[in-house]
C-alpha cells in the first residue's frame, strides 16, 4: 500500500471522500481512512450509491473460484 500525493493533496484520502475507493483494512488500520470511507458510505456518494457494491478483493476471489 502506498500514499499518492499531487502537490499537497493526498489522493488516497480524496478518493475515499468522494466514495471512489475502499479502505482496505487488511493492510491498513488507519482510523482516518476508515472514517473517510464511513462518511462516504453514510452519504451514499460514489460507489456507495450501489446497495451491493462489491470490493475488488471479493470480486477477484469470486472469479478465481469460477476458474478453479
C-alpha atoms as a PDB file:
ATOM      1  CA  UNK A   1       0.000   0.000   0.000  1.00  0.00           C
ATOM      2  CA  UNK A   2       1.194   3.484  -0.762  1.00  0.00           C
ATOM      3  CA  UNK A   3       0.051   7.044  -0.369  1.00  0.00           C
ATOM      4  CA  UNK A   4      -0.112   9.147  -3.507  1.00  0.00           C
ATOM      5  CA  UNK A   5       0.299  12.909  -3.345  1.00  0.00           C
ATOM      6  CA  UNK A   6      -0.258  15.517  -6.017  1.00  0.00           C
ATOM      7  CA  UNK A   7       1.275  18.714  -4.745  1.00  0.00           C
ATOM      8  CA  UNK A   8      -0.170  18.948  -1.218  1.00  0.00           C
ATOM      9  CA  UNK A   9      -3.228  16.702  -1.818  1.00  0.00           C
ATOM     10  CA  UNK A  10      -3.387  13.126  -0.556  1.00  0.00           C
ATOM     11  CA  UNK A  11      -5.068  11.340  -3.475  1.00  0.00           C
ATOM     12  CA  UNK A  12      -5.955   8.324  -1.325  1.00  0.00           C
ATOM     13  CA  UNK A  13      -7.971  10.478   1.057  1.00  0.00           C
ATOM     14  CA  UNK A  14      -9.627  12.413  -1.759  1.00  0.00           C
ATOM     15  CA  UNK A  15     -10.764   9.171  -3.411  1.00  0.00           C
ATOM     16  CA  UNK A  16     -12.205   7.886  -0.141  1.00  0.00           C
ATOM     17  CA  UNK A  17     -14.015  11.186   0.498  1.00  0.00           C
ATOM     18  CA  UNK A  18     -15.574  11.039  -2.961  1.00  0.00           C
ATOM     19  CA  UNK A  19     -16.655   7.425  -2.450  1.00  0.00           C
ATOM     20  CA  UNK A  20     -14.400   6.231  -5.255  1.00  0.00           C
ATOM     21  CA  UNK A  21     -12.266   3.803  -3.256  1.00  0.00           C
ATOM     22  CA  UNK A  22     -12.362   1.284  -0.435  1.00  0.00           C
ATOM     23  CA  UNK A  23     -10.206   1.457   2.653  1.00  0.00           C
ATOM     24  CA  UNK A  24      -8.512  -1.940   2.505  1.00  0.00           C
ATOM     25  CA  UNK A  25      -8.394  -2.723   6.205  1.00  0.00           C
ATOM     26  CA  UNK A  26      -6.380  -5.901   5.699  1.00  0.00           C
ATOM     27  CA  UNK A  27      -3.300  -3.759   5.028  1.00  0.00           C
ATOM     28  CA  UNK A  28      -4.218  -0.510   6.770  1.00  0.00           C
ATOM     29  CA  UNK A  29      -5.598   0.169  10.212  1.00  0.00           C
ATOM     30  CA  UNK A  30      -5.528   3.952   9.701  1.00  0.00           C
ATOM     31  CA  UNK A  31      -8.550   5.340  11.594  1.00  0.00           C
ATOM     32  CA  UNK A  32      -8.686   8.464   9.423  1.00  0.00           C
ATOM     33  CA  UNK A  33      -9.027   6.406   6.244  1.00  0.00           C
ATOM     34  CA  UNK A  34     -11.691   4.249   7.887  1.00  0.00           C
ATOM     35  CA  UNK A  35     -13.581   7.390   8.930  1.00  0.00           C
ATOM     36  CA  UNK A  36     -13.443   8.843   5.411  1.00  0.00           C
ATOM     37  CA  UNK A  37     -14.871   5.643   3.951  1.00  0.00           C
ATOM     38  CA  UNK A  38     -17.574   5.512   6.630  1.00  0.00           C
ATOM     39  CA  UNK A  39     -18.596   9.109   5.886  1.00  0.00           C
ATOM     40  CA  UNK A  40     -18.791   8.434   2.137  1.00  0.00           C
ATOM     41  CA  UNK A  41     -20.890   5.323   2.785  1.00  0.00           C
ATOM     42  CA  UNK A  42     -23.200   7.286   5.085  1.00  0.00           C
ATOM     43  CA  UNK A  43     -23.676   9.994   2.452  1.00  0.00           C
ATOM     44  CA  UNK A  44     -24.117   7.354  -0.281  1.00  0.00           C
ATOM     45  CA  UNK A  45     -21.678   9.023  -2.644  1.00  0.00           C
ATOM     46  CA  UNK A  46     -19.638   7.427  -5.413  1.00  0.00           C
ATOM     47  CA  UNK A  47     -19.688   3.658  -5.397  1.00  0.00           C
ATOM     48  CA  UNK A  48     -21.822   3.696  -2.244  1.00  0.00           C
ATOM     49  CA  UNK A  49     -24.831   4.669  -4.362  1.00  0.00           C
ATOM     50  CA  UNK A  50     -24.954   0.951  -5.203  1.00  0.00           C
ATOM     51  CA  UNK A  51     -26.570  -1.047  -2.385  1.00  0.00           C
ATOM     52  CA  UNK A  52     -24.485  -4.155  -3.191  1.00  0.00           C
ATOM     53  CA  UNK A  53     -21.132  -2.633  -4.081  1.00  0.00           C
ATOM     54  CA  UNK A  54     -18.545  -5.426  -4.149  1.00  0.00           C
ATOM     55  CA  UNK A  55     -14.963  -4.761  -3.033  1.00  0.00           C
ATOM     56  CA  UNK A  56     -12.348  -5.673  -5.640  1.00  0.00           C
ATOM     57  CA  UNK A  57     -10.782  -8.368  -3.426  1.00  0.00           C
ATOM     58  CA  UNK A  58     -14.136 -10.144  -3.141  1.00  0.00           C
ATOM     59  CA  UNK A  59     -14.739  -9.824  -6.894  1.00  0.00           C
ATOM     60  CA  UNK A  60     -11.311 -11.367  -7.621  1.00  0.00           C
ATOM     61  CA  UNK A  61     -11.954 -14.188  -5.129  1.00  0.00           C
ATOM     62  CA  UNK A  62     -15.286 -14.948  -6.814  1.00  0.00           C
ATOM     63  CA  UNK A  63     -13.632 -15.008 -10.267  1.00  0.00           C
ATOM     64  CA  UNK A  64     -10.876 -17.370  -9.042  1.00  0.00           C
ATOM     65  CA  UNK A  65     -13.489 -19.807  -7.733  1.00  0.00           C
ATOM     66  CA  UNK A  66     -15.230 -19.849 -11.136  1.00  0.00           C
ATOM     67  CA  UNK A  67     -11.938 -20.539 -12.925  1.00  0.00           C
ATOM     68  CA  UNK A  68     -10.728 -23.127 -10.399  1.00  0.00           C
END
